[in-house]
Amino acid sequence: NAKNNTLYMNIANHPRIFKFAPIGEYKPGQRYMGVQTTVPPRREGQPDGYYVAVDPLTAKPKWKIPLMDYMQWGGMLVTDGGLLFSGKQTGEFVAIDAENGKMLWQHQTGSAINAPAVTFTHKGRQYVTVLSGRGGGAPNIHGELRDNIPLGGMVWTFALMPE
């Protein structure tokens, strides 16, 4: 955000174990990497990720919000009015004050959010839209996500109020 000289990010805080593996015959549609990856069990009491605001010139965090359930796989949207929107694998769509990291609002969409929101203006009112539906790599990594988060497949649009 050039207006307040801040970079906003989702950060993962969980290790992966990489192991070299023999590369077999290439088969279209299958992985061909020469590496096997595994994810160790989640660490109790440790955040799985963070929402972070960083000064890009000093790399120092301005604020940091721990995500104790699951990290966020999609991106963030920051509006010119200072609102940051992001979603979680567990389906919460959140609005955060981009300046101080204060959680302002959240809404449960009913399924995972794996992509950034978009914003648009129609007839003078600003809207934010986000897609909700389980997908991506998370269900393969976290079996409990696969077992507990419905498939979904919804589009949510919210109007931003003038104040």
Protein backbone atom coordinates (compact mmCIF):
# COMPACT_ATOMS: atom_id res chain seq x y z
CA ASN A 1 0.00 0.00 0.00
CA ALA A 2 1.87 3.06 -1.24
CA LYS A 3 -0.42 5.33 0.77
CA ASN A 4 1.00 4.15 4.11
CA ASN A 5 4.21 2.48 2.86
CA THR A 6 3.21 -0.98 4.07
CA LEU A 7 3.41 -4.48 2.64
CA TYR A 8 0.73 -6.94 3.81
CA MET A 9 1.34 -10.68 3.80
CA ASN A 10 0.06 -14.05 4.90
CA ILE A 11 2.91 -16.03 6.42
CA ALA A 12 3.13 -19.79 6.93
CA ASN A 13 4.64 -21.04 10.17
CA HIS A 14 4.87 -24.77 9.66
CA PRO A 15 7.75 -26.87 8.45
CA ARG A 16 7.90 -29.26 5.53
CA ILE A 17 10.31 -32.12 5.17
CA PHE A 18 11.86 -32.55 1.73
CA LYS A 19 13.59 -35.76 0.69
CA PHE A 20 15.27 -36.46 -2.62
CA ALA A 21 13.58 -39.28 -4.49
CA PRO A 22 14.45 -41.11 -7.69
CA ILE A 23 12.77 -39.69 -10.75
CA GLY A 24 10.88 -42.43 -12.53
CA GLU A 25 9.36 -42.40 -15.96
CA TYR A 26 7.41 -39.26 -16.81
CA LYS A 27 3.63 -39.82 -16.72
CA PRO A 28 1.40 -36.93 -17.81
CA GLY A 29 -0.72 -35.58 -14.97
CA GLN A 30 1.50 -36.98 -12.21
CA ARG A 31 4.18 -35.26 -10.17
CA TYR A 32 7.65 -35.40 -11.68
CA MET A 33 9.85 -33.57 -9.19
CA GLY A 34 12.52 -35.83 -7.74
CA VAL A 35 11.40 -34.77 -4.27
CA GLN A 36 8.99 -36.22 -1.73
CA THR A 37 7.45 -33.87 0.79
CA THR A 38 5.81 -34.57 4.12
CA VAL A 39 4.28 -32.28 6.69
CA PRO A 40 4.98 -33.06 10.34
CA PRO A 41 2.09 -32.88 12.82
CA ARG A 42 0.90 -29.43 13.81
CA ARG A 43 2.56 -28.01 16.92
CA GLU A 44 0.07 -27.45 19.73
CA GLY A 45 0.02 -23.89 21.02
CA GLN A 46 2.01 -22.57 18.04
CA PRO A 47 0.44 -20.37 15.35
CA ASP A 48 0.09 -22.01 11.95
CA GLY A 49 0.62 -18.65 10.28
CA TYR A 50 0.24 -14.89 10.61
CA TYR A 51 -1.34 -11.86 9.03
CA VAL A 52 1.55 -9.36 8.94
CA ALA A 53 2.06 -5.71 8.02
CA VAL A 54 5.69 -4.90 7.19
CA ASP A 55 7.60 -1.73 6.41
CA PRO A 56 9.16 -2.72 3.04
CA LEU A 57 12.16 -0.41 3.50
CA THR A 58 13.23 -1.78 6.90
CA ALA A 59 11.58 -5.26 6.81
CA LYS A 60 10.31 -4.58 10.35
CA PRO A 61 6.78 -5.70 11.21
CA LYS A 62 4.30 -2.94 12.01
CA TRP A 63 1.83 -5.50 13.41
CA LYS A 64 1.37 -9.26 13.42
CA ILE A 65 -1.78 -11.35 14.04
CA PRO A 66 -1.19 -15.03 14.87
CA LEU A 67 -3.46 -17.57 13.16
CA MET A 68 -3.84 -20.32 15.72
CA ASP A 69 -6.07 -22.59 13.65
CA TYR A 70 -4.73 -22.65 10.06
CA MET A 71 -2.61 -20.36 7.97
CA GLN A 72 -4.23 -18.54 5.08
CA TRP A 73 -3.43 -19.84 1.58
CA GLY A 74 -4.96 -16.97 -0.42
CA GLY A 75 -3.84 -13.40 -0.71
CA MET A 76 -5.00 -10.22 0.95
CA LEU A 77 -6.88 -7.21 -0.38
CA VAL A 78 -6.16 -3.73 0.98
CA THR A 79 -8.49 -0.88 0.10
CA ASP A 80 -7.53 2.76 -0.30
CA GLY A 81 -9.74 3.44 2.73
CA GLY A 82 -7.45 1.41 4.98
CA LEU A 83 -9.34 -1.88 5.22
CA LEU A 84 -7.58 -5.20 4.78
CA PHE A 85 -9.64 -8.26 3.79
CA SER A 86 -8.54 -11.86 4.01
CA GLY A 87 -10.09 -15.28 4.43
CA LYS A 88 -9.18 -18.47 6.25
CA GLN A 89 -9.22 -22.17 5.45
CA THR A 90 -11.92 -22.51 8.11
CA GLY A 91 -14.19 -20.12 6.19
CA GLU A 92 -13.92 -16.89 8.16
CA PHE A 93 -13.75 -13.78 5.99
CA VAL A 94 -12.23 -10.94 7.99
CA ALA A 95 -11.82 -7.16 7.81
CA ILE A 96 -8.82 -5.69 9.61
CA ASP A 97 -7.78 -2.08 10.18
CA ALA A 98 -4.74 -1.95 7.89
CA GLU A 99 -3.02 0.70 10.02
CA ASN A 100 -3.05 -1.01 13.43
CA GLY A 101 -4.02 -4.65 12.79
CA LYS A 102 -7.25 -4.44 14.79
CA MET A 103 -9.85 -7.04 13.77
CA LEU A 104 -12.97 -5.08 12.76
CA TRP A 105 -15.37 -7.69 11.44
CA GLN A 106 -15.64 -11.35 10.46
CA HIS A 107 -18.17 -13.52 8.66
CA GLN A 108 -18.33 -17.33 8.41
CA THR A 109 -18.80 -18.28 4.74
CA GLY A 110 -19.40 -21.98 5.34
CA SER A 111 -16.37 -23.27 3.43
CA ALA A 112 -12.67 -22.56 2.95
CA ILE A 113 -11.34 -19.38 1.36
CA ASN A 114 -8.30 -19.99 -0.84
CA ALA A 115 -8.14 -16.84 -2.97
CA PRO A 116 -7.93 -13.10 -2.39
CA ALA A 117 -11.04 -10.95 -2.43
CA VAL A 118 -11.75 -8.36 -5.12
CA THR A 119 -13.32 -4.95 -4.80
CA PHE A 120 -15.42 -2.90 -7.20
CA THR A 121 -17.73 0.11 -7.20
CA HIS A 122 -21.29 0.03 -8.51
CA LYS A 123 -23.57 3.09 -8.49
CA GLY A 124 -21.27 4.88 -6.06
CA ARG A 125 -21.08 2.08 -3.46
CA GLN A 126 -17.95 -0.03 -2.92
CA TYR A 127 -18.31 -3.81 -2.68
CA VAL A 128 -15.95 -6.64 -1.73
CA THR A 129 -16.44 -10.12 -3.20
CA VAL A 130 -14.79 -13.37 -2.15
CA LEU A 131 -15.11 -16.98 -3.31
CA SER A 132 -15.67 -19.70 -0.73
CA GLY A 133 -15.09 -23.36 -1.52
CA ARG A 134 -12.58 -25.92 -0.37
CA GLY A 135 -9.75 -26.52 -2.79
CA GLY A 136 -6.04 -26.22 -3.31
CA GLY A 137 -3.45 -28.14 -1.35
CA ALA A 138 -4.77 -27.62 2.19
CA PRO A 139 -7.19 -30.56 2.28
CA ASN A 140 -4.36 -32.86 1.21
CA ILE A 141 -2.03 -31.53 3.90
CA HIS A 142 -4.48 -31.23 6.80
CA GLY A 143 -6.82 -34.23 6.90
CA GLU A 144 -8.95 -32.47 9.51
CA LEU A 145 -9.69 -29.72 6.96
CA ARG A 146 -10.81 -32.32 4.44
CA ASP A 147 -12.98 -34.00 7.07
CA ASN A 148 -14.48 -30.87 8.67
CA ILE A 149 -14.75 -28.15 6.00
CA PRO A 150 -17.63 -28.54 3.50
CA LEU A 151 -16.85 -28.30 -0.21
CA GLY A 152 -18.82 -25.08 -0.62
CA GLY A 153 -18.76 -23.29 -3.95
CA MET A 154 -20.24 -19.89 -3.06
CA VAL A 155 -19.71 -16.27 -4.03
CA TRP A 156 -20.09 -13.73 -1.21
CA THR A 157 -20.45 -9.99 -1.86
CA PHE A 158 -20.46 -7.39 0.90
CA ALA A 159 -21.23 -3.67 0.64
CA LEU A 160 -18.90 -1.25 2.42
CA MET A 161 -20.82 1.31 4.41
CA PRO A 162 -19.91 4.99 3.93
CA GLU A 163 -18.80 5.53 7.54
